[in-house]
Amino acid sequence: MVSPNSKSYFREVEKSHRSYNAALRRAKSRQSVMNLYWRHKRQHEALLKRHLRDEMVAVVQLKKKFK
């Protein structure tokens, strides 16, 4: 199910990946590559957590209709 929140999530993920890939191309050392990866991973996890929380709110609202 693609909701308006999903579209926003996908846009944010795409934006995150674009900046991550651009930063990787500019990286000068192995350590900077790893730092970029860990920063990107934290950002990605936060986006996913927020997205799943929004989806759970929608599910709870739908469940209330069936009571």
C-alpha atoms as a PDB file:
ATOM      1  CA  MET A   1       0.000   0.000   0.000  1.00  0.00           C
ATOM      2  CA  VAL A   2       1.529   3.310  -1.057  1.00  0.00           C
ATOM      3  CA  SER A   3       0.207   6.141   1.036  1.00  0.00           C
ATOM      4  CA  PRO A   4       1.224   9.797   1.038  1.00  0.00           C
ATOM      5  CA  ASN A   5       3.513   8.970   3.981  1.00  0.00           C
ATOM      6  CA  SER A   6       5.136   6.204   1.925  1.00  0.00           C
ATOM      7  CA  LYS A   7       5.813   8.586  -0.937  1.00  0.00           C
ATOM      8  CA  SER A   8       7.431  11.007   1.470  1.00  0.00           C
ATOM      9  CA  TYR A   9       9.513   8.176   2.947  1.00  0.00           C
ATOM     10  CA  PHE A  10      10.702   7.067  -0.491  1.00  0.00           C
ATOM     11  CA  ARG A  11      11.636  10.647  -1.391  1.00  0.00           C
ATOM     12  CA  GLU A  12      13.631  10.996   1.831  1.00  0.00           C
ATOM     13  CA  VAL A  13      15.413   7.683   1.232  1.00  0.00           C
ATOM     14  CA  GLU A  14      16.252   8.704  -2.331  1.00  0.00           C
ATOM     15  CA  LYS A  15      17.585  12.058  -1.109  1.00  0.00           C
ATOM     16  CA  SER A  16      19.659  10.280   1.545  1.00  0.00           C
ATOM     17  CA  HIS A  17      21.134   7.867  -0.990  1.00  0.00           C
ATOM     18  CA  ARG A  18      21.985  10.648  -3.435  1.00  0.00           C
ATOM     19  CA  SER A  19      23.917  12.597  -0.800  1.00  0.00           C
ATOM     20  CA  TYR A  20      25.567   9.394   0.498  1.00  0.00           C
ATOM     21  CA  ASN A  21      26.733   8.368  -2.979  1.00  0.00           C
ATOM     22  CA  ALA A  22      28.021  11.864  -3.708  1.00  0.00           C
ATOM     23  CA  ALA A  23      29.945  11.894  -0.424  1.00  0.00           C
ATOM     24  CA  LEU A  24      31.411   8.451  -1.173  1.00  0.00           C
ATOM     25  CA  ARG A  25      32.794   9.735  -4.457  1.00  0.00           C
ATOM     26  CA  ARG A  26      34.531  12.585  -2.587  1.00  0.00           C
ATOM     27  CA  ALA A  27      35.916  10.360   0.211  1.00  0.00           C
ATOM     28  CA  LYS A  28      39.697  10.415   0.525  1.00  0.00           C
ATOM     29  CA  SER A  29      40.347   7.559   2.961  1.00  0.00           C
ATOM     30  CA  ARG A  30      39.038   4.234   4.166  1.00  0.00           C
ATOM     31  CA  GLN A  31      38.117   5.772   7.517  1.00  0.00           C
ATOM     32  CA  SER A  32      36.091   8.537   5.910  1.00  0.00           C
ATOM     33  CA  VAL A  33      34.220   5.918   3.852  1.00  0.00           C
ATOM     34  CA  MET A  34      33.366   3.983   7.009  1.00  0.00           C
ATOM     35  CA  ASN A  35      32.305   7.157   8.831  1.00  0.00           C
ATOM     36  CA  LEU A  36      30.030   8.020   5.916  1.00  0.00           C
ATOM     37  CA  TYR A  37      28.544   4.529   5.997  1.00  0.00           C
ATOM     38  CA  TRP A  38      27.793   4.610   9.727  1.00  0.00           C
ATOM     39  CA  ARG A  39      26.237   8.091   9.466  1.00  0.00           C
ATOM     40  CA  HIS A  40      24.129   6.962   6.513  1.00  0.00           C
ATOM     41  CA  LYS A  41      23.063   3.811   8.365  1.00  0.00           C
ATOM     42  CA  ARG A  42      21.880   5.824  11.400  1.00  0.00           C
ATOM     43  CA  GLN A  43      19.994   8.205   9.140  1.00  0.00           C
ATOM     44  CA  HIS A  44      18.401   5.329   7.244  1.00  0.00           C
ATOM     45  CA  GLU A  45      17.361   3.564  10.453  1.00  0.00           C
ATOM     46  CA  ALA A  46      15.774   6.767  11.787  1.00  0.00           C
ATOM     47  CA  LEU A  47      13.824   7.233   8.545  1.00  0.00           C
ATOM     48  CA  LEU A  48      12.615   3.637   8.630  1.00  0.00           C
ATOM     49  CA  LYS A  49      11.644   3.856  12.296  1.00  0.00           C
ATOM     50  CA  ARG A  50       9.599   7.011  11.655  1.00  0.00           C
ATOM     51  CA  HIS A  51       7.993   5.459   8.571  1.00  0.00           C
ATOM     52  CA  LEU A  52       7.001   2.281  10.412  1.00  0.00           C
ATOM     53  CA  ARG A  53       5.598   4.306  13.311  1.00  0.00           C
ATOM     54  CA  ASP A  54       3.436   6.286  10.857  1.00  0.00           C
ATOM     55  CA  GLU A  55       2.231   3.057   9.238  1.00  0.00           C
ATOM     56  CA  MET A  56       1.359   1.564  12.623  1.00  0.00           C
ATOM     57  CA  VAL A  57      -0.756   4.642  13.420  1.00  0.00           C
ATOM     58  CA  ALA A  58      -2.649   4.073  10.160  1.00  0.00           C
ATOM     59  CA  VAL A  59      -3.139   0.375  10.993  1.00  0.00           C
ATOM     60  CA  VAL A  60      -4.459   1.199  14.464  1.00  0.00           C
ATOM     61  CA  GLN A  61      -6.927   3.681  12.984  1.00  0.00           C
ATOM     62  CA  LEU A  62      -8.141   1.055  10.516  1.00  0.00           C
ATOM     63  CA  LYS A  63      -8.475  -1.531  13.270  1.00  0.00           C
ATOM     64  CA  LYS A  64     -10.699   0.850  15.265  1.00  0.00           C
ATOM     65  CA  LYS A  65     -13.193   0.873  12.396  1.00  0.00           C
ATOM     66  CA  PHE A  66     -13.774  -2.865  12.794  1.00  0.00           C
ATOM     67  CA  LYS A  67     -14.592  -2.763  16.506  1.00  0.00           C
END
